C-alpha atoms as a PDB file:
ATOM      1  CA  MET A   1       0.000   0.000   0.000  1.00  0.00           C
ATOM      2  CA  GLU A   2       1.387   3.349  -0.993  1.00  0.00           C
ATOM      3  CA  ASP A   3       1.050   6.579   0.980  1.00  0.00           C
ATOM      4  CA  TYR A   4       0.367   9.816  -0.883  1.00  0.00           C
ATOM      5  CA  LEU A   5       0.810  13.379   0.264  1.00  0.00           C
ATOM      6  CA  ILE A   6      -0.917  15.977  -1.898  1.00  0.00           C
ATOM      7  CA  VAL A   7       0.253  19.515  -1.170  1.00  0.00           C
ATOM      8  CA  ASP A   8      -1.743  22.666  -1.952  1.00  0.00           C
ATOM      9  CA  GLY A   9       1.339  24.563  -3.112  1.00  0.00           C
ATOM     10  CA  TYR A  10       0.466  28.235  -2.722  1.00  0.00           C
ATOM     11  CA  ASN A  11      -1.528  27.594   0.445  1.00  0.00           C
ATOM     12  CA  ILE A  12       1.470  25.947   2.094  1.00  0.00           C
ATOM     13  CA  MET A  13       3.855  28.626   0.811  1.00  0.00           C
ATOM     14  CA  ASN A  14       1.688  31.296   2.444  1.00  0.00           C
ATOM     15  CA  GLY A  15       1.616  29.323   5.701  1.00  0.00           C
ATOM     16  CA  TRP A  16       5.379  28.828   6.082  1.00  0.00           C
ATOM     17  CA  PRO A  17       7.229  31.980   7.182  1.00  0.00           C
ATOM     18  CA  GLU A  18      10.421  31.446   5.178  1.00  0.00           C
ATOM     19  CA  LEU A  19       8.523  30.588   1.992  1.00  0.00           C
ATOM     20  CA  ALA A  20       6.132  33.508   2.444  1.00  0.00           C
ATOM     21  CA  ALA A  21       9.139  35.841   2.756  1.00  0.00           C
ATOM     22  CA  LEU A  22      10.883  34.247  -0.223  1.00  0.00           C
ATOM     23  CA  GLN A  23       7.660  34.518  -2.235  1.00  0.00           C
ATOM     24  CA  GLU A  24       7.752  38.307  -1.845  1.00  0.00           C
ATOM     25  CA  GLN A  25      11.150  38.338  -3.566  1.00  0.00           C
ATOM     26  CA  SER A  26      10.511  35.639  -6.167  1.00  0.00           C
ATOM     27  CA  LEU A  27       7.463  33.461  -6.570  1.00  0.00           C
ATOM     28  CA  GLU A  28       9.427  31.038  -8.743  1.00  0.00           C
ATOM     29  CA  HIS A  29      12.180  30.592  -6.135  1.00  0.00           C
ATOM     30  CA  ALA A  30       9.611  30.025  -3.404  1.00  0.00           C
ATOM     31  CA  ARG A  31       7.896  27.343  -5.527  1.00  0.00           C
ATOM     32  CA  ASP A  32      11.242  25.692  -6.270  1.00  0.00           C
ATOM     33  CA  LYS A  33      12.155  25.732  -2.580  1.00  0.00           C
ATOM     34  CA  LEU A  34       8.855  24.113  -1.587  1.00  0.00           C
ATOM     35  CA  VAL A  35       9.345  21.387  -4.201  1.00  0.00           C
ATOM     36  CA  GLU A  36      12.924  20.831  -2.994  1.00  0.00           C
ATOM     37  CA  ILE A  37      11.778  20.556   0.640  1.00  0.00           C
ATOM     38  CA  MET A  38       9.017  18.139  -0.340  1.00  0.00           C
ATOM     39  CA  GLY A  39      11.474  16.075  -2.402  1.00  0.00           C
ATOM     40  CA  ASN A  40      13.703  15.660   0.639  1.00  0.00           C
ATOM     41  CA  PHE A  41      10.668  14.857   2.775  1.00  0.00           C
ATOM     42  CA  GLN A  42       9.527  12.245   0.249  1.00  0.00           C
ATOM     43  CA  ALA A  43      12.965  10.632   0.230  1.00  0.00           C
ATOM     44  CA  LEU A  44      13.027  10.434   4.029  1.00  0.00           C
ATOM     45  CA  ARG A  45       9.423   9.280   4.501  1.00  0.00           C
ATOM     46  CA  GLY A  46       9.046   7.041   1.464  1.00  0.00           C
ATOM     47  CA  ASN A  47       5.606   8.318   0.456  1.00  0.00           C
ATOM     48  CA  ARG A  48       4.714   9.830  -2.901  1.00  0.00           C
ATOM     49  CA  VAL A  49       4.390  13.604  -2.897  1.00  0.00           C
ATOM     50  CA  VAL A  50       2.323  15.621  -5.362  1.00  0.00           C
ATOM     51  CA  VAL A  51       2.470  19.436  -5.210  1.00  0.00           C
ATOM     52  CA  VAL A  52      -0.382  21.268  -6.921  1.00  0.00           C
ATOM     53  CA  PHE A  53      -0.211  24.950  -7.890  1.00  0.00           C
ATOM     54  CA  ASP A  54      -3.005  27.196  -9.131  1.00  0.00           C
ATOM     55  CA  ALA A  55      -2.657  28.525 -12.647  1.00  0.00           C
ATOM     56  CA  HIS A  56      -6.370  29.130 -13.204  1.00  0.00           C
ATOM     57  CA  LEU A  57      -5.860  32.875 -13.717  1.00  0.00           C
ATOM     58  CA  VAL A  58      -3.026  32.410 -16.227  1.00  0.00           C
ATOM     59  CA  LYS A  59      -4.452  33.189 -19.657  1.00  0.00           C
ATOM     60  CA  GLY A  60      -4.095  30.263 -22.030  1.00  0.00           C
ATOM     61  CA  SER A  61      -2.617  27.931 -19.430  1.00  0.00           C
ATOM     62  CA  ALA A  62      -3.141  24.352 -20.548  1.00  0.00           C
ATOM     63  CA  GLY A  63      -1.826  23.126 -17.209  1.00  0.00           C
ATOM     64  CA  SER A  64       1.227  20.966 -16.796  1.00  0.00           C
ATOM     65  CA  ARG A  65       2.463  17.908 -14.997  1.00  0.00           C
ATOM     66  CA  GLU A  66       6.125  17.122 -14.441  1.00  0.00           C
ATOM     67  CA  HIS A  67       8.433  15.331 -12.028  1.00  0.00           C
ATOM     68  CA  VAL A  68      11.050  17.393 -10.216  1.00  0.00           C
ATOM     69  CA  GLY A  69      13.418  15.554  -7.913  1.00  0.00           C
ATOM     70  CA  GLY A  70      10.928  12.696  -7.624  1.00  0.00           C
ATOM     71  CA  VAL A  71       8.040  14.997  -6.719  1.00  0.00           C
ATOM     72  CA  GLU A  72       5.104  15.274  -9.091  1.00  0.00           C
ATOM     73  CA  VAL A  73       4.381  18.962  -9.715  1.00  0.00           C
ATOM     74  CA  ILE A  74       1.041  19.909 -11.241  1.00  0.00           C
ATOM     75  CA  PHE A  75      -0.081  23.343 -12.448  1.00  0.00           C
ATOM     76  CA  SER A  76      -3.824  23.622 -13.011  1.00  0.00           C
ATOM     77  CA  ARG A  77      -5.097  24.831 -16.347  1.00  0.00           C
ATOM     78  CA  GLU A  78      -6.847  28.136 -16.984  1.00  0.00           C
ATOM     79  CA  GLY A  79     -10.181  28.218 -15.179  1.00  0.00           C
ATOM     80  CA  GLU A  80      -9.326  25.255 -12.947  1.00  0.00           C
ATOM     81  CA  THR A  81      -8.276  25.753  -9.328  1.00  0.00           C
ATOM     82  CA  ALA A  82      -5.690  23.752  -7.424  1.00  0.00           C
ATOM     83  CA  ASP A  83      -8.539  22.688  -5.121  1.00  0.00           C
ATOM     84  CA  SER A  84     -10.403  21.034  -7.987  1.00  0.00           C
ATOM     85  CA  VAL A  85      -7.215  19.262  -9.126  1.00  0.00           C
ATOM     86  CA  ILE A  86      -6.611  18.025  -5.570  1.00  0.00           C
ATOM     87  CA  GLU A  87     -10.194  16.803  -5.226  1.00  0.00           C
ATOM     88  CA  ARG A  88      -9.919  14.937  -8.537  1.00  0.00           C
ATOM     89  CA  LEU A  89      -6.599  13.354  -7.504  1.00  0.00           C
ATOM     90  CA  VAL A  90      -8.011  12.188  -4.175  1.00  0.00           C
ATOM     91  CA  GLY A  91     -10.879  10.535  -6.034  1.00  0.00           C
ATOM     92  CA  GLN A  92      -8.574   8.858  -8.588  1.00  0.00           C
ATOM     93  CA  LEU A  93      -6.098   7.276  -6.182  1.00  0.00           C
ATOM     94  CA  PRO A  94      -6.556   3.618  -5.233  1.00  0.00           C
ATOM     95  CA  PRO A  95      -9.047   3.163  -2.374  1.00  0.00           C
ATOM     96  CA  GLU A  96      -6.491   1.219  -0.316  1.00  0.00           C
ATOM     97  CA  ALA A  97      -3.940   4.069  -0.521  1.00  0.00           C
ATOM     98  CA  VAL A  98      -3.439   6.322   2.478  1.00  0.00           C
ATOM     99  CA  VAL A  99      -3.913   9.853   1.138  1.00  0.00           C
ATOM    100  CA  SER A 100      -3.113  13.018   3.077  1.00  0.00           C
ATOM    101  CA  VAL A 101      -3.796  16.519   1.794  1.00  0.00           C
ATOM    102  CA  ALA A 102      -1.779  19.441   3.138  1.00  0.00           C
ATOM    103  CA  THR A 103      -3.771  22.678   3.091  1.00  0.00           C
ATOM    104  CA  SER A 104      -4.960  25.209   5.636  1.00  0.00           C
ATOM    105  CA  ASP A 105      -8.055  25.919   3.551  1.00  0.00           C
ATOM    106  CA  TRP A 106     -10.837  24.714   5.865  1.00  0.00           C
ATOM    107  CA  ALA A 107     -13.380  24.246   3.074  1.00  0.00           C
ATOM    108  CA  GLU A 108     -10.883  22.140   1.099  1.00  0.00           C
ATOM    109  CA  GLN A 109     -10.013  20.098   4.186  1.00  0.00           C
ATOM    110  CA  ARG A 110     -13.692  19.236   4.653  1.00  0.00           C
ATOM    111  CA  VAL A 111     -14.111  18.205   1.014  1.00  0.00           C
ATOM    112  CA  VAL A 112     -11.046  15.923   0.944  1.00  0.00           C
ATOM    113  CA  MET A 113     -11.903  14.389   4.316  1.00  0.00           C
ATOM    114  CA  GLY A 114     -15.329  13.618   2.868  1.00  0.00           C
ATOM    115  CA  LYS A 115     -13.548  11.750   0.070  1.00  0.00           C
ATOM    116  CA  GLY A 116     -11.568   9.691   2.593  1.00  0.00           C
ATOM    117  CA  ALA A 117      -8.300  11.629   2.729  1.00  0.00           C
ATOM    118  CA  LEU A 118      -6.511  12.762   5.854  1.00  0.00           C
ATOM    119  CA  ARG A 119      -5.766  16.451   6.254  1.00  0.00           C
ATOM    120  CA  LEU A 120      -2.722  18.347   7.413  1.00  0.00           C
ATOM    121  CA  SER A 121      -2.635  22.079   7.997  1.00  0.00           C
ATOM    122  CA  ALA A 122       0.343  24.120   6.806  1.00  0.00           C
ATOM    123  CA  ARG A 123       1.569  24.263  10.406  1.00  0.00           C
ATOM    124  CA  GLU A 124       1.246  20.489  10.878  1.00  0.00           C
ATOM    125  CA  LEU A 125       3.137  19.777   7.649  1.00  0.00           C
ATOM    126  CA  TYR A 126       5.825  22.299   8.614  1.00  0.00           C
ATOM    127  CA  ARG A 127       6.288  20.618  11.983  1.00  0.00           C
ATOM    128  CA  MET A 128       6.328  17.155  10.406  1.00  0.00           C
ATOM    129  CA  VAL A 129       9.002  18.225   7.900  1.00  0.00           C
ATOM    130  CA  GLN A 130      11.090  19.683  10.751  1.00  0.00           C
ATOM    131  CA  LEU A 131      10.792  16.484  12.813  1.00  0.00           C
ATOM    132  CA  VAL A 132      11.630  14.155   9.931  1.00  0.00           C
ATOM    133  CA  THR A 133      14.618  16.307   8.935  1.00  0.00           C
ATOM    134  CA  ALA A 134      15.924  16.481  12.512  1.00  0.00           C
ATOM    135  CA  GLU A 135      15.508  12.726  12.920  1.00  0.00           C
ATOM    136  CA  ALA A 136      17.409  12.087   9.673  1.00  0.00           C
ATOM    137  CA  LYS A 137      20.262  14.345  10.794  1.00  0.00           C
ATOM    138  CA  GLU A 138      20.412  12.605  14.163  1.00  0.00           C
ATOM    139  CA  ASN A 139      20.471   9.174  12.548  1.00  0.00           C
ATOM    140  CA  ALA A 140      23.134  10.267  10.058  1.00  0.00           C
ATOM    141  CA  GLY A 141      25.272  11.465  12.962  1.00  0.00           C
ATOM    142  CA  LYS A 142      24.869   8.120  14.729  1.00  0.00           C
ATOM    143  CA  ARG A 143      25.792   6.204  11.602  1.00  0.00           C
ATOM    144  CA  GLY A 144      28.854   8.405  11.200  1.00  0.00           C
ATOM    145  CA  ARG A 145      30.056   7.605  14.714  1.00  0.00           C
ATOM    146  CA  GLU A 146      29.421   3.901  14.248  1.00  0.00           C
ATOM    147  CA  ARG A 147      31.403   3.601  11.039  1.00  0.00           C
ATOM    148  CA  ARG A 148      34.150   1.084  10.956  1.00  0.00           C
ATOM    149  CA  PRO A 149      37.185   1.156   8.702  1.00  0.00           C
ATOM    150  CA  LEU A 150      36.839  -0.704   5.428  1.00  0.00           C
ATOM    151  CA  ASP A 151      39.374  -3.333   6.419  1.00  0.00           C
ATOM    152  CA  MET A 152      37.046  -4.423   9.235  1.00  0.00           C
ATOM    153  CA  HIS A 153      34.713  -5.718   6.532  1.00  0.00           C
ATOM    154  CA  LEU A 154      37.407  -7.704   4.693  1.00  0.00           C
ATOM    155  CA  THR A 155      38.397 -11.285   5.191  1.00  0.00           C
ATOM    156  CA  GLU A 156      41.982 -12.042   6.239  1.00  0.00           C
ATOM    157  CA  ARG A 157      42.746 -13.394   2.767  1.00  0.00           C
ATOM    158  CA  MET A 158      41.432 -10.181   1.131  1.00  0.00           C
ATOM    159  CA  ARG A 159      43.606  -8.077   3.467  1.00  0.00           C
ATOM    160  CA  GLU A 160      46.669 -10.132   2.577  1.00  0.00           C
ATOM    161  CA  THR A 161      45.939  -9.820  -1.159  1.00  0.00           C
ATOM    162  CA  LEU A 162      45.485  -6.050  -0.936  1.00  0.00           C
ATOM    163  CA  GLU A 163      48.659  -5.681   1.141  1.00  0.00           C
ATOM    164  CA  HIS A 164      50.518  -7.749  -1.430  1.00  0.00           C
ATOM    165  CA  TRP A 165      49.277  -5.456  -4.226  1.00  0.00           C
ATOM    166  CA  ARG A 166      50.140  -2.360  -2.196  1.00  0.00           C
ATOM    167  CA  ARG A 167      53.717  -3.510  -1.778  1.00  0.00           C
ATOM    168  CA  GLY A 168      53.906  -4.302  -5.484  1.00  0.00           C
ATOM    169  CA  LYS A 169      54.858  -7.932  -5.077  1.00  0.00           C
END
């Protein structure tokens, strides 16, 4: 069974202080940063992440769907909101899948919960990302301290062969 996390892109960007500040300087950089963060989160958690952005006010937008760093990034088409894309995705995913939707939009939370998805607010997702990242750093530090030299993994015969090669004999 696969876990899915569907992220309401602009809603989350507005709910995270550093992305909201970055958004004021460059919307594109803020979007890229969110996708990067979610890519790292996906790699650490093992679930599939889909980030959906509104493009319904962009004249002539046909919408797009691409993969960036393992994350599926969807831009809605002209006249279609991110909410409607999210609702459609929730309905299309396999019924046995665990689906979470990250948005602080209360109306959207109610709709996706009615379709069987779990909901996360921007704050809850932010905290979850922080916890998973901190845990990964802690575990990486432990693994670093527990490392053993390569020769500890070699048999005696392999050590002798390598020593023989090193001495050029």
